[in-house]
Every structure is written in C-alpha cells, then in structure tokens.
Protein backbone atom coordinates (compact mmCIF):
# COMPACT_ATOMS: atom_id res chain seq x y z
CA MET A 1 -13.11 118.24 20.96
CA ILE A 2 -15.57 115.37 20.58
CA PRO A 3 -18.80 116.79 22.10
CA LYS A 4 -20.04 115.89 25.59
CA PHE A 5 -17.36 113.31 26.31
CA HIS A 6 -15.74 113.25 29.75
CA GLY A 7 -12.15 112.19 30.37
CA ASN A 8 -9.35 110.85 28.17
CA PRO A 9 -8.95 114.11 26.23
CA GLY A 10 -5.85 112.82 24.42
CA VAL A 11 -7.72 109.90 22.86
CA ALA A 12 -10.68 112.11 21.96
CA ALA A 13 -8.39 114.71 20.38
CA THR A 14 -6.57 112.07 18.31
CA LEU A 15 -9.83 110.67 16.97
CA GLU A 16 -11.06 114.17 16.14
CA ASP A 17 -7.79 114.91 14.33
CA MET A 18 -8.22 111.75 12.25
CA VAL A 19 -11.63 113.00 11.12
CA SER A 20 -10.40 116.52 10.32
CA ARG A 21 -7.52 115.12 8.24
CA ARG A 22 -9.73 112.36 6.79
CA ARG A 23 -7.11 109.77 7.67
CA ILE A 24 -9.32 107.28 9.48
CA PRO A 25 -8.26 103.68 10.11
CA GLN A 26 -10.88 101.17 9.10
CA THR A 27 -10.69 99.29 12.40
CA ILE A 28 -10.36 101.00 15.77
CA LEU A 29 -10.09 99.22 19.13
CA LEU A 30 -11.11 101.11 22.28
CA ASP A 31 -10.17 99.28 25.47
CA GLY A 32 -10.50 100.15 29.14
CA PRO A 33 -12.51 99.40 32.29
CA HIS A 34 -16.25 98.83 32.31
CA GLY A 35 -18.23 102.08 32.29
CA ILE A 36 -15.29 104.23 31.19
CA GLY A 37 -17.14 105.46 28.09
CA LYS A 38 -15.82 103.30 25.25
CA ALA A 39 -19.16 102.89 23.45
CA THR A 40 -20.05 106.52 24.18
CA LEU A 41 -16.82 107.66 22.54
CA ALA A 42 -17.55 105.41 19.55
CA ARG A 43 -20.98 106.99 19.08
CA ARG A 44 -19.62 110.54 19.43
CA PHE A 45 -16.88 109.69 16.93
CA GLY A 46 -19.53 108.43 14.54
CA SER A 47 -21.45 111.69 14.92
CA LEU A 48 -18.41 113.55 13.56
CA LEU A 49 -18.55 111.44 10.40
CA MET A 50 -22.26 111.68 9.63
CA ASP A 51 -25.36 113.73 10.34
CA GLY A 52 -27.97 112.52 12.81
CA ALA A 53 -26.14 112.42 16.14
CA GLU A 54 -29.47 112.30 17.98
CA LYS A 55 -30.35 109.07 16.16
CA ILE A 56 -26.99 107.48 16.94
CA GLU A 57 -27.45 108.27 20.63
CA LYS A 58 -30.76 106.37 20.68
CA ASP A 59 -28.73 103.16 20.43
CA ASP A 60 -27.00 103.79 23.78
CA LEU A 61 -27.30 100.39 25.47
CA SER A 62 -27.71 101.99 28.91
CA LEU A 63 -31.04 103.59 27.92
CA PRO A 64 -34.04 101.95 29.64
CA ASP A 65 -35.73 100.85 26.40
CA ASN A 66 -32.55 99.19 25.12
CA LEU A 67 -31.84 97.55 28.46
CA SER A 68 -35.38 96.16 28.36
CA ILE A 69 -34.81 94.70 24.88
CA VAL A 70 -31.58 92.98 25.95
CA SER A 71 -33.17 91.70 29.17
CA GLU A 72 -36.26 90.36 27.40
CA ARG A 73 -34.15 88.48 24.86
CA GLU A 74 -32.52 86.51 27.67
CA LYS A 75 -35.86 84.72 28.07
CA TRP A 76 -36.05 83.76 24.41
CA PRO A 77 -35.17 80.22 23.32
CA SER A 78 -31.82 80.09 21.55
CA GLU A 79 -33.50 79.22 18.23
CA LYS A 80 -35.42 82.50 18.29
CA ARG A 81 -32.24 84.51 18.93
CA VAL A 82 -30.54 82.68 16.06
CA ASP A 83 -33.38 83.65 13.73
CA ASP A 84 -33.36 87.28 14.90
CA PRO A 85 -29.77 88.36 15.73
CA LEU A 86 -29.47 91.39 18.00
CA LEU A 87 -28.45 94.73 16.56
CA PHE A 88 -29.42 98.37 17.06
CA SER A 89 -29.64 100.77 14.11
CA THR A 90 -31.77 103.86 14.63
CA HIS A 91 -29.38 105.64 12.25
CA PRO A 92 -29.18 103.65 8.99
CA ASP A 93 -25.43 104.13 8.65
CA PHE A 94 -24.48 103.43 12.29
CA LEU A 95 -25.04 99.87 13.55
CA THR A 96 -24.38 98.54 17.04
CA PHE A 97 -23.83 94.85 17.75
CA ALA A 98 -24.00 93.95 21.45
CA PRO A 99 -23.68 90.76 23.53
CA ASP A 100 -26.92 88.78 23.60
CA GLY A 101 -28.66 86.03 25.52
CA PRO A 102 -28.29 84.79 29.11
CA LEU A 103 -24.52 84.35 28.65
CA ARG A 104 -24.18 87.79 27.05
CA GLN A 105 -22.09 86.70 24.09
CA LEU A 106 -21.61 88.00 20.57
CA SER A 107 -22.76 85.24 18.23
CA ILE A 108 -21.73 84.03 14.79
CA GLN A 109 -25.24 84.94 13.56
CA GLN A 110 -24.59 88.56 14.50
CA MET A 111 -21.27 88.53 12.68
CA ARG A 112 -22.93 87.06 9.59
CA VAL A 113 -25.42 89.94 9.63
CA LEU A 114 -22.48 92.34 10.04
CA LYS A 115 -20.70 90.81 7.05
CA GLU A 116 -23.84 90.99 4.92
CA ARG A 117 -24.67 94.60 5.80
CA SER A 118 -21.09 95.76 5.50
CA GLN A 119 -21.45 95.51 1.73
CA PHE A 120 -24.22 98.12 1.61
CA LYS A 121 -23.13 101.62 0.61
CA PRO A 122 -23.88 104.55 2.96
CA LEU A 123 -27.29 106.13 2.45
CA ARG A 124 -25.76 109.54 3.10
CA GLY A 125 -22.18 110.70 3.24
CA ASP A 126 -19.04 108.63 2.79
CA TRP A 127 -19.06 106.21 5.72
CA ARG A 128 -20.88 103.45 7.50
CA VAL A 129 -19.78 102.84 11.10
CA PHE A 130 -20.31 99.52 12.88
CA LEU A 131 -19.80 99.41 16.65
CA ILE A 132 -19.06 95.95 18.01
CA ASP A 133 -19.47 96.43 21.72
CA GLN A 134 -17.57 94.11 24.08
CA ILE A 135 -15.83 92.18 21.34
CA ASP A 136 -14.03 90.27 24.10
CA ARG A 137 -17.39 88.51 24.67
CA ALA A 138 -17.45 87.04 21.17
CA ASN A 139 -17.43 83.26 21.06
CA GLU A 140 -14.77 81.53 18.98
CA GLN A 141 -16.95 81.13 15.91
CA ALA A 142 -18.01 84.79 16.00
CA ALA A 143 -14.42 86.00 16.41
CA ASN A 144 -13.25 83.95 13.43
CA SER A 145 -16.16 85.18 11.32
CA LEU A 146 -15.37 88.81 12.18
CA LEU A 147 -11.75 88.25 11.23
CA LYS A 148 -12.82 87.60 7.64
CA VAL A 149 -14.39 91.07 7.49
CA LEU A 150 -11.34 92.68 9.09
CA GLU A 151 -9.05 91.16 6.47
CA GLU A 152 -10.80 92.89 3.55
CA PRO A 153 -13.24 95.56 4.80
CA PRO A 154 -15.18 97.56 2.19
CA SER A 155 -13.67 101.01 1.67
CA HIS A 156 -16.73 102.77 3.13
CA LEU A 157 -16.78 100.78 6.39
CA ILE A 158 -15.30 101.78 9.76
CA LEU A 159 -15.38 99.14 12.49
CA ILE A 160 -15.07 100.24 16.12
CA LEU A 161 -14.44 97.46 18.63
CA THR A 162 -14.64 97.87 22.40
CA ALA A 163 -13.13 95.57 25.00
CA GLU A 164 -12.24 95.61 28.67
CA ASN A 165 -9.15 93.48 28.10
CA PRO A 166 -7.70 93.52 24.57
CA TYR A 167 -5.54 90.49 25.38
CA ASN A 168 -8.68 88.35 25.52
CA LEU A 169 -8.97 88.90 21.77
CA LEU A 170 -7.41 86.83 19.03
CA PRO A 171 -3.96 88.26 18.22
CA THR A 172 -5.04 88.40 14.57
CA ILE A 173 -7.93 90.72 15.51
CA ARG A 174 -5.71 92.97 17.65
CA SER A 175 -3.13 93.23 14.87
CA ARG A 176 -5.71 94.59 12.43
CA ALA A 177 -6.96 97.37 14.70
CA VAL A 178 -5.52 100.73 15.74
CA PRO A 179 -5.70 100.57 19.56
CA PHE A 180 -6.63 103.29 22.04
CA HIS A 181 -6.57 102.72 25.79
CA LEU A 182 -9.00 104.68 27.97
CA GLU A 183 -7.87 105.39 31.53
CA PRO A 184 -10.17 105.82 34.57
CA LEU A 185 -11.07 109.45 35.21
CA ALA A 186 -9.26 111.32 37.97
CA GLU A 187 -11.21 112.42 41.06
CA SER A 188 -10.96 116.02 39.80
CA GLU A 189 -12.84 114.92 36.66
CA MET A 190 -15.34 112.65 38.41
CA ARG A 191 -16.52 115.14 41.05
CA PRO A 192 -17.90 117.73 38.58
CA PHE A 193 -19.34 114.92 36.44
CA ILE A 194 -21.32 113.58 39.42
CA ALA A 195 -22.29 117.06 40.64
CA GLU A 196 -23.60 118.13 37.22
CA ARG A 197 -25.98 115.17 37.22
CA HIS A 198 -27.16 115.72 40.81
CA LEU A 199 -26.59 112.07 41.68
CA ASP A 200 -27.53 110.88 45.16
CA GLN A 201 -24.86 109.71 47.64
CA PRO A 202 -22.09 111.35 45.61
CA GLU A 203 -19.22 110.26 47.88
CA ARG A 204 -20.21 106.60 47.67
CA ARG A 205 -20.65 106.80 43.90
CA LEU A 206 -17.26 108.48 43.59
CA ALA A 207 -15.56 105.72 45.59
CA LEU A 208 -17.35 102.74 44.05
CA ALA A 209 -17.16 103.96 40.44
CA SER A 210 -13.36 104.07 40.61
CA GLY A 211 -13.08 106.56 37.79
CA SER A 212 -15.82 105.11 35.54
CA PRO A 213 -18.57 107.66 34.83
CA GLY A 214 -20.92 105.02 33.43
CA ILE A 215 -20.81 103.12 36.73
CA ALA A 216 -21.34 106.31 38.73
CA ILE A 217 -24.55 107.02 36.82
CA SER A 218 -25.98 103.52 36.49
CA MET A 219 -25.17 102.02 39.88
CA ASP A 220 -28.25 101.03 41.88
CA LEU A 221 -26.94 101.55 45.40
CA ASP A 222 -29.87 99.76 47.05
CA ALA A 223 -29.21 96.65 44.96
CA TYR A 224 -25.47 96.99 45.56
CA ASP A 225 -26.02 97.14 49.34
CA LYS A 226 -28.08 93.93 49.29
CA ARG A 227 -25.40 92.12 47.31
CA ARG A 228 -22.66 93.53 49.50
CA SER A 229 -24.44 92.38 52.66
CA ALA A 230 -24.56 88.84 51.26
CA MET A 231 -20.91 88.90 50.17
CA LEU A 232 -19.80 90.31 53.53
CA THR A 233 -21.56 87.35 55.16
CA LEU A 234 -19.77 85.00 52.78
CA LEU A 235 -16.38 86.50 53.70
CA GLN A 236 -17.20 86.46 57.43
CA VAL A 237 -18.11 82.78 57.17
CA GLY A 238 -15.03 82.05 55.06
CA ALA A 239 -12.82 83.81 57.62
CA GLY A 240 -14.33 81.77 60.47
CA GLN A 241 -15.92 84.88 61.99
CA ALA A 242 -19.46 83.54 61.59
CA PRO A 243 -20.99 80.03 61.47
CA PHE A 244 -21.81 78.46 58.12
CA ALA A 245 -25.52 78.68 58.96
CA GLU A 246 -25.24 82.46 58.45
CA TRP A 247 -24.16 81.91 54.86
CA ALA A 248 -26.85 79.26 54.33
CA ARG A 249 -29.52 81.87 55.07
CA ALA A 250 -27.85 84.45 52.82
CA GLY A 251 -27.40 81.89 50.06
CA GLU A 252 -31.08 80.97 50.14
CA ALA A 253 -32.01 84.64 49.73
CA ILE A 254 -29.69 84.92 46.72
CA ALA A 255 -31.08 81.75 45.11
CA VAL A 256 -34.61 83.18 44.91
CA ARG A 257 -33.40 86.28 43.04
CA LYS A 258 -33.70 84.59 39.66
CA THR A 259 -32.92 87.65 37.55
CA GLU A 260 -29.64 88.46 39.30
CA LYS A 261 -26.56 87.05 37.63
CA LEU A 262 -23.56 85.58 39.38
CA ASP A 263 -21.26 88.23 37.91
CA TYR A 264 -23.12 90.94 39.85
CA TYR A 265 -21.97 89.25 43.07
CA LEU A 266 -18.46 88.55 41.80
CA ASP A 267 -18.02 92.25 40.97
CA VAL A 268 -18.89 93.10 44.58
CA LEU A 269 -16.53 90.42 45.87
CA TYR A 270 -13.63 91.88 43.91
CA VAL A 271 -14.17 95.28 45.48
CA LEU A 272 -14.47 93.85 49.00
CA LEU A 273 -11.30 91.79 48.57
CA GLU A 274 -9.48 94.84 47.27
CA ASP A 275 -10.57 96.72 50.40
CA LEU A 276 -9.40 93.87 52.64
CA LEU A 277 -5.98 93.99 51.03
CA LEU A 278 -5.74 97.77 51.48
CA LEU A 279 -6.69 97.47 55.15
CA GLN A 280 -4.04 94.79 55.70
CA GLN A 281 -1.49 97.16 54.23
CA GLY A 282 -2.72 99.99 56.44
CA ARG A 283 -3.95 102.01 53.48
CA THR A 284 -7.10 104.11 53.38
CA PRO A 285 -9.54 105.28 52.19
CA ILE A 286 -11.18 102.11 50.96
CA ARG A 287 -13.98 102.01 48.42
CA ASN A 288 -16.53 100.54 50.85
CA PHE A 289 -15.71 103.16 53.49
CA ASP A 290 -19.19 102.85 55.05
CA ALA A 291 -18.51 99.16 55.81
CA GLN A 292 -14.99 99.69 57.15
CA ALA A 293 -15.70 98.28 60.62
CA GLU A 294 -16.96 94.96 59.22
CA LEU A 295 -14.04 94.74 56.79
CA GLU A 296 -11.48 95.52 59.48
CA ALA A 297 -12.86 92.65 61.58
CA ILE A 298 -12.46 90.24 58.66
CA SER A 299 -9.03 91.60 57.79
CA ALA A 300 -7.80 90.91 61.31
CA ARG A 301 -8.64 87.21 60.94
CA VAL A 302 -7.18 86.44 57.51
CA SER A 303 -3.77 86.40 55.90
CA PHE A 304 -2.46 87.83 52.66
CA GLU A 305 -2.38 84.26 51.32
CA TRP A 306 -6.08 83.84 52.18
CA ILE A 307 -6.94 87.00 50.25
CA ARG A 308 -4.79 85.96 47.31
CA ASN A 309 -6.47 82.55 47.12
CA ALA A 310 -9.90 84.19 47.36
CA VAL A 311 -9.10 86.49 44.42
CA LYS A 312 -7.77 83.54 42.44
CA ARG A 313 -10.98 81.62 43.08
CA VAL A 314 -13.13 84.58 41.98
CA ASP A 315 -11.02 84.75 38.80
CA GLU A 316 -11.82 81.09 38.17
CA LEU A 317 -15.54 81.69 38.66
CA VAL A 318 -15.43 84.59 36.21
CA GLY A 319 -13.87 82.22 33.67
CA LEU A 320 -16.82 79.85 34.15
CA LEU A 321 -19.52 82.49 33.69
CA ARG A 322 -19.98 81.67 30.01
CA ARG A 323 -20.91 78.12 30.99
CA ASN A 324 -23.99 79.40 32.83
CA ILE A 325 -23.04 77.92 36.20
CA GLN A 326 -25.56 78.07 39.06
CA LYS A 327 -24.79 81.08 41.24
CA SER A 328 -25.98 79.55 44.52
CA ILE A 329 -23.91 76.37 44.02
CA ALA A 330 -20.84 78.36 42.97
CA LEU A 331 -21.04 80.68 45.99
CA ASP A 332 -21.69 77.79 48.42
CA ALA A 333 -18.54 76.07 47.16
CA PHE A 334 -16.62 79.34 47.42
CA ALA A 335 -17.65 79.83 51.06
CA LEU A 336 -16.65 76.26 51.97
CA GLU A 337 -13.28 76.60 50.24
CA LEU A 338 -12.49 79.86 52.04
CA ARG A 339 -13.49 78.33 55.38
CA SER A 340 -11.18 75.35 54.87
CA ARG A 341 -8.09 77.54 54.49
C-alpha cells in the first residue's frame, strides 16, 4: 500500500496498482472534505513514481515553514505576487501550486508558470508530477489557462488536482480527469491515528475533526474555543436569548483580531448549526458535546426554519469570501438578520 497513508485504502490501492502496471492517467482528481488527506495522498503517490520522497514531503503545506511563507505573502502587494507566483518545489520533478494571497486563490500567473515548466523533461526517471492543490479555488482566468494544459499535456507530465467539491470546477476540467473520492475516516480509524500522535483532548479532536485526520492534528483548540464563544453569543443574540449588546461586545473583540479570517468563524458556525439541528431531532452525541447545555438552550428557542435560514445565510457568506468582505460587518448583519426572524 501507499506508505504512511491513513484511510481510504481502496483509493490508495487503486493508485498503487496504476503505478505497478504503469497505466497512469495524466490527470487525476482527488476530492473530499478538508483535511482528509488529498494532498498527502498526492505526495505519497508521487513518491512511488520517483526517488526522493523526503524532498517531496518538505512541500507539505501544513508544515510551519510553508505556512509562514503563505501567511507572509498575504501581506504582499498584488503586484509583487504577480511577479513571483507561488509554488513549492523542493524536489525538482514534483511541483506544488497552492492558493495564494489574502483571498487564497490560484492565479493565472501560477498557471502560466505551470504551463511553462510542464514542457521541461524530468531530471531523473520518467515523470514529472504537478500537484494543484484546491483547484476549486482557481479564479476563472486560471481555470481556463489550466484547461489548455489539460487538453494536450506532455507525455511525461502527471497532473494531480485536489478539490473539496468537484462540482465547483468547470465541467471541461472534470471531464479530463480520472476522479477519486476520499471519504471521512471511521471512528475505528481515527482513534488509533490520534492515539499514535499523543494529541491532547483526544475526544474533542475526534468529535470536531469529523473523520479528517488533518483537522485532528492541526486544530488549535484554544483558538477554536475563542471563536466558538463568539459564535455562541451570535446565535444566542439571534435567537433572542441575549440582548444585542452582548454581540456588540463580542463583535468588537473579533474586529481587533486582524489576522483571523471570516471563514474561520463560518466554519465554527456550520458545526454549531449542525449540532442545533441534531438536538432538535433528539440525536446525540453532538460534535460540541462540551457546550451542549448552551446549545440546548438555543435549540429550545428556535425552529427548524430558523436553523435552515441560518445555514442558507452562512452559505451566502461563504460565496462572498472571495470578495474580501469585512468580517465584522458581515457577522453584525448576520446577527441582526437572525434576530429579526
């Protein structure tokens, strides 16, 4: 099996079989939830095709040095990012293109670099592998530019695309890729994964990760608790359980956290709303089991329609994230809208 990869053994075995039979599609699409291991699987797949697995692993975007590079680039002016498109390539034949800038998008400049470098022959072996991580975050120009490479890829090139939702991609991109869907890991797979890494608060990580090992490892529970406290206040205010002044104080605290993005809070809101729905249906356990009392109090005051409208509104805010909307203004409007229902 592909080494050191947890979960989805069927997908891993199929990819390994492709390598052993040397019948490898030139474009592969790995889709599934955030943190499920799509990019990890792509790197491990690449290590079966070429020597230097330790170099390939240095381009793991979750490593502190790489996170620092991506974070620092958010402060750059757009002209500087255009002149220096983001890519990682510790191994000369394995390149990783990742979302860049404050809006975390794949740019046309990155795809132009991809097209240019795709023509270069491998330095060693038979293949070059390009990982395009989160292709569903490519802007329209970038997606169209990539399509030109997909139509006539050089014979030595393997493109691996990852996406949370493949249906956010252009149909013409999907049609040129061999798709593999990665499922969340079962609890029986997650428990030993968490135990092996001696992670703190294992039960909370197990519940909040929802089958995604990457989330279980990377989640900062202290930061999560601060965001959850603010979002619980928002829901309490929206449900009429607390006065709007409570949210005003929480909103001010959020506004001063300049480095925190709106999507961090929206992710927490989704989980809280999911828990509210489960409680209304009398189903447990919930993912935020340590906040069950607060959630039960909110659940008792709201209807299914209220929850459905709240989820719909969060969906709309997610759709606006690429427009760089102000998080404090967006959340203030959200609280007022919930309260009016």
